[in-house]
Amino acid sequence: MRFFSGLILTVWLLVGCKTNNVDAAAGVVQLTFDNRVNANDLQLKTGTYQNAGGEIFTVTKFDYFISNIRFLRLNGSAYTLPQDNSYFLIRESDPASQRLTLPNIPAGEYSHVEFMAGVDSLRNVADGFSLSVTK
């Protein structure tokens, strides 16, 4: 009986203390945005491009927000950046803004990253929400 009690206690401890050491660690992920038109690097003010309708255009300014960043693991689970730290302004005229350094990302095997271009409508109309942007 003593052996059986010891076995149950050991199994309970193993199950109760089961942790995934990979997920417990955190690291830094850097995302880089490379804005392109077809296969060409986007060139502000100097590049000319053609749309599907055959019209020629030039881009003088290209700024956008990235939000709701989510990392999907191979096992099907996901890690989502906390919403208060999930809004980034990308400016084509500022190469530094095109590299996002994201700290405290749980270690793991990820298959891909999802994000939204823009600010989601619920957050956009939330009381007290504002995005401060420095030039």
C-alpha atoms as a PDB file:
ATOM      1  CA  MET A   1       0.000   0.000   0.000  1.00  0.00           C
ATOM      2  CA  ARG A   2       2.887   2.346   0.799  1.00  0.00           C
ATOM      3  CA  PHE A   3       4.341   1.769  -2.716  1.00  0.00           C
ATOM      4  CA  PHE A   4       0.952   2.527  -4.304  1.00  0.00           C
ATOM      5  CA  SER A   5       0.610   5.793  -2.313  1.00  0.00           C
ATOM      6  CA  GLY A   6       4.125   6.786  -3.306  1.00  0.00           C
ATOM      7  CA  LEU A   7       3.349   6.052  -6.963  1.00  0.00           C
ATOM      8  CA  ILE A   8       0.166   8.129  -6.896  1.00  0.00           C
ATOM      9  CA  LEU A   9       2.023  11.007  -5.200  1.00  0.00           C
ATOM     10  CA  THR A  10       4.806  10.800  -7.804  1.00  0.00           C
ATOM     11  CA  VAL A  11       2.325  10.789 -10.707  1.00  0.00           C
ATOM     12  CA  TRP A  12       0.389  13.684  -9.142  1.00  0.00           C
ATOM     13  CA  LEU A  13       3.614  15.689  -8.715  1.00  0.00           C
ATOM     14  CA  LEU A  14       4.658  15.000 -12.311  1.00  0.00           C
ATOM     15  CA  VAL A  15       1.267  16.042 -13.668  1.00  0.00           C
ATOM     16  CA  GLY A  16       0.956  19.012 -11.306  1.00  0.00           C
ATOM     17  CA  CYS A  17       4.446  20.280 -12.124  1.00  0.00           C
ATOM     18  CA  LYS A  18       4.289  19.700 -15.838  1.00  0.00           C
ATOM     19  CA  THR A  19       5.511  22.825 -17.551  1.00  0.00           C
ATOM     20  CA  ASN A  20       6.636  23.626 -21.021  1.00  0.00           C
ATOM     21  CA  ASN A  21      10.054  25.201 -20.492  1.00  0.00           C
ATOM     22  CA  VAL A  22      10.105  26.371 -24.096  1.00  0.00           C
ATOM     23  CA  ASP A  23       7.007  28.549 -23.576  1.00  0.00           C
ATOM     24  CA  ALA A  24       8.215  29.799 -20.193  1.00  0.00           C
ATOM     25  CA  ALA A  25      11.213  31.523 -21.795  1.00  0.00           C
ATOM     26  CA  ALA A  26      10.846  34.778 -23.682  1.00  0.00           C
ATOM     27  CA  GLY A  27      12.839  36.341 -26.452  1.00  0.00           C
ATOM     28  CA  VAL A  28      12.895  39.207 -28.900  1.00  0.00           C
ATOM     29  CA  VAL A  29      11.411  39.019 -32.387  1.00  0.00           C
ATOM     30  CA  GLN A  30      12.191  41.557 -35.067  1.00  0.00           C
ATOM     31  CA  LEU A  31       9.760  42.080 -37.937  1.00  0.00           C
ATOM     32  CA  THR A  32      10.900  43.985 -41.026  1.00  0.00           C
ATOM     33  CA  PHE A  33       8.482  45.558 -43.501  1.00  0.00           C
ATOM     34  CA  ASP A  34       9.671  45.950 -47.083  1.00  0.00           C
ATOM     35  CA  ASN A  35       7.167  47.968 -49.101  1.00  0.00           C
ATOM     36  CA  ARG A  36       7.037  47.007 -52.760  1.00  0.00           C
ATOM     37  CA  VAL A  37       5.030  47.663 -55.903  1.00  0.00           C
ATOM     38  CA  ASN A  38       4.892  44.410 -57.836  1.00  0.00           C
ATOM     39  CA  ALA A  39       8.500  43.174 -57.646  1.00  0.00           C
ATOM     40  CA  ASN A  40      10.019  46.661 -57.258  1.00  0.00           C
ATOM     41  CA  ASP A  41      11.058  48.446 -54.078  1.00  0.00           C
ATOM     42  CA  LEU A  42       8.703  51.359 -53.392  1.00  0.00           C
ATOM     43  CA  GLN A  43      10.467  54.643 -54.202  1.00  0.00           C
ATOM     44  CA  LEU A  44       8.804  57.769 -52.825  1.00  0.00           C
ATOM     45  CA  LYS A  45       8.460  60.768 -55.170  1.00  0.00           C
ATOM     46  CA  THR A  46      10.788  59.328 -57.826  1.00  0.00           C
ATOM     47  CA  GLY A  47       9.296  55.981 -58.797  1.00  0.00           C
ATOM     48  CA  THR A  48       6.501  55.696 -61.324  1.00  0.00           C
ATOM     49  CA  TYR A  49       4.211  52.695 -61.302  1.00  0.00           C
ATOM     50  CA  GLN A  50       1.291  51.409 -63.320  1.00  0.00           C
ATOM     51  CA  ASN A  51      -1.934  50.116 -61.798  1.00  0.00           C
ATOM     52  CA  ALA A  52      -4.141  47.340 -63.201  1.00  0.00           C
ATOM     53  CA  GLY A  53      -6.118  49.945 -65.193  1.00  0.00           C
ATOM     54  CA  GLY A  54      -2.980  51.097 -66.981  1.00  0.00           C
ATOM     55  CA  GLU A  55      -2.826  54.414 -65.118  1.00  0.00           C
ATOM     56  CA  ILE A  56       0.592  55.742 -64.138  1.00  0.00           C
ATOM     57  CA  PHE A  57       1.067  56.959 -60.566  1.00  0.00           C
ATOM     58  CA  THR A  58       3.769  58.179 -58.206  1.00  0.00           C
ATOM     59  CA  VAL A  59       3.729  57.640 -54.441  1.00  0.00           C
ATOM     60  CA  THR A  60       4.769  60.697 -52.424  1.00  0.00           C
ATOM     61  CA  LYS A  61       3.928  59.428 -48.925  1.00  0.00           C
ATOM     62  CA  PHE A  62       3.192  55.944 -47.620  1.00  0.00           C
ATOM     63  CA  ASP A  63       2.357  55.535 -43.911  1.00  0.00           C
ATOM     64  CA  TYR A  64       0.236  52.857 -42.252  1.00  0.00           C
ATOM     65  CA  PHE A  65      -0.432  51.226 -38.894  1.00  0.00           C
ATOM     66  CA  ILE A  66       0.244  47.595 -38.070  1.00  0.00           C
ATOM     67  CA  SER A  67      -1.801  46.205 -35.185  1.00  0.00           C
ATOM     68  CA  ASN A  68      -3.108  43.038 -33.530  1.00  0.00           C
ATOM     69  CA  ILE A  69       0.086  41.044 -34.051  1.00  0.00           C
ATOM     70  CA  ARG A  70      -0.364  37.342 -33.417  1.00  0.00           C
ATOM     71  CA  PHE A  71       2.192  34.524 -33.587  1.00  0.00           C
ATOM     72  CA  LEU A  72       0.795  31.084 -34.471  1.00  0.00           C
ATOM     73  CA  ARG A  73       2.589  28.030 -33.107  1.00  0.00           C
ATOM     74  CA  LEU A  74       3.036  24.752 -34.930  1.00  0.00           C
ATOM     75  CA  ASN A  75       0.820  23.046 -32.327  1.00  0.00           C
ATOM     76  CA  GLY A  76      -2.132  25.304 -33.248  1.00  0.00           C
ATOM     77  CA  SER A  77      -1.974  27.620 -30.237  1.00  0.00           C
ATOM     78  CA  ALA A  78      -1.188  31.322 -30.573  1.00  0.00           C
ATOM     79  CA  TYR A  79       0.472  34.177 -28.757  1.00  0.00           C
ATOM     80  CA  THR A  80      -1.121  37.607 -29.237  1.00  0.00           C
ATOM     81  CA  LEU A  81       0.713  40.790 -28.326  1.00  0.00           C
ATOM     82  CA  PRO A  82      -1.072  42.664 -25.548  1.00  0.00           C
ATOM     83  CA  GLN A  83      -3.404  45.143 -27.231  1.00  0.00           C
ATOM     84  CA  ASP A  84      -1.889  48.189 -25.540  1.00  0.00           C
ATOM     85  CA  ASN A  85       1.500  47.315 -27.088  1.00  0.00           C
ATOM     86  CA  SER A  86       0.238  46.278 -30.492  1.00  0.00           C
ATOM     87  CA  TYR A  87       0.060  49.455 -32.608  1.00  0.00           C
ATOM     88  CA  PHE A  88       2.983  50.510 -34.783  1.00  0.00           C
ATOM     89  CA  LEU A  89       3.263  53.266 -37.378  1.00  0.00           C
ATOM     90  CA  ILE A  90       5.259  52.199 -40.451  1.00  0.00           C
ATOM     91  CA  ARG A  91       6.588  55.035 -42.596  1.00  0.00           C
ATOM     92  CA  GLU A  92       8.223  54.429 -45.944  1.00  0.00           C
ATOM     93  CA  SER A  93      10.249  57.621 -45.436  1.00  0.00           C
ATOM     94  CA  ASP A  94      11.666  56.301 -42.122  1.00  0.00           C
ATOM     95  CA  PRO A  95      13.571  52.993 -42.481  1.00  0.00           C
ATOM     96  CA  ALA A  96      13.856  52.634 -38.689  1.00  0.00           C
ATOM     97  CA  SER A  97      10.043  52.498 -38.399  1.00  0.00           C
ATOM     98  CA  GLN A  98      10.012  49.523 -40.785  1.00  0.00           C
ATOM     99  CA  ARG A  99      11.830  47.336 -38.225  1.00  0.00           C
ATOM    100  CA  LEU A 100       9.699  46.397 -35.232  1.00  0.00           C
ATOM    101  CA  THR A 101      11.485  44.936 -32.232  1.00  0.00           C
ATOM    102  CA  LEU A 102       9.027  42.968 -30.107  1.00  0.00           C
ATOM    103  CA  PRO A 103      10.288  41.917 -26.657  1.00  0.00           C
ATOM    104  CA  ASN A 104       8.939  39.193 -24.361  1.00  0.00           C
ATOM    105  CA  ILE A 105       7.705  36.852 -27.079  1.00  0.00           C
ATOM    106  CA  PRO A 106       7.377  33.359 -25.580  1.00  0.00           C
ATOM    107  CA  ALA A 107       9.880  30.938 -27.063  1.00  0.00           C
ATOM    108  CA  GLY A 108       8.408  28.238 -29.240  1.00  0.00           C
ATOM    109  CA  GLU A 109       8.070  26.877 -32.736  1.00  0.00           C
ATOM    110  CA  TYR A 110       5.948  29.274 -34.770  1.00  0.00           C
ATOM    111  CA  SER A 111       4.526  28.654 -38.220  1.00  0.00           C
ATOM    112  CA  HIS A 112       3.604  32.240 -39.128  1.00  0.00           C
ATOM    113  CA  VAL A 113       2.676  35.728 -37.988  1.00  0.00           C
ATOM    114  CA  GLU A 114      -0.659  37.469 -38.487  1.00  0.00           C
ATOM    115  CA  PHE A 115      -1.313  41.180 -38.203  1.00  0.00           C
ATOM    116  CA  MET A 116      -3.792  43.796 -39.290  1.00  0.00           C
ATOM    117  CA  ALA A 117      -2.941  46.735 -41.506  1.00  0.00           C
ATOM    118  CA  GLY A 118      -4.691  49.627 -39.797  1.00  0.00           C
ATOM    119  CA  VAL A 119      -6.468  49.956 -36.464  1.00  0.00           C
ATOM    120  CA  ASP A 120      -9.413  47.689 -35.720  1.00  0.00           C
ATOM    121  CA  SER A 121     -12.753  49.499 -35.557  1.00  0.00           C
ATOM    122  CA  LEU A 122     -13.566  48.523 -31.953  1.00  0.00           C
ATOM    123  CA  ARG A 123     -10.278  49.919 -30.678  1.00  0.00           C
ATOM    124  CA  ASN A 124     -10.569  52.986 -32.882  1.00  0.00           C
ATOM    125  CA  VAL A 125     -13.831  54.064 -31.185  1.00  0.00           C
ATOM    126  CA  ALA A 126     -12.914  52.949 -27.644  1.00  0.00           C
ATOM    127  CA  ASP A 127     -13.120  55.585 -24.910  1.00  0.00           C
ATOM    128  CA  GLY A 128      -9.711  56.889 -23.953  1.00  0.00           C
ATOM    129  CA  PHE A 129      -7.943  55.381 -26.943  1.00  0.00           C
ATOM    130  CA  SER A 130      -5.500  57.564 -28.765  1.00  0.00           C
ATOM    131  CA  LEU A 131      -2.426  56.951 -30.835  1.00  0.00           C
ATOM    132  CA  SER A 132       0.356  59.409 -30.311  1.00  0.00           C
ATOM    133  CA  VAL A 133       2.630  59.712 -33.300  1.00  0.00           C
ATOM    134  CA  THR A 134       5.872  61.613 -33.329  1.00  0.00           C
ATOM    135  CA  LYS A 135       7.269  63.024 -36.524  1.00  0.00           C
END
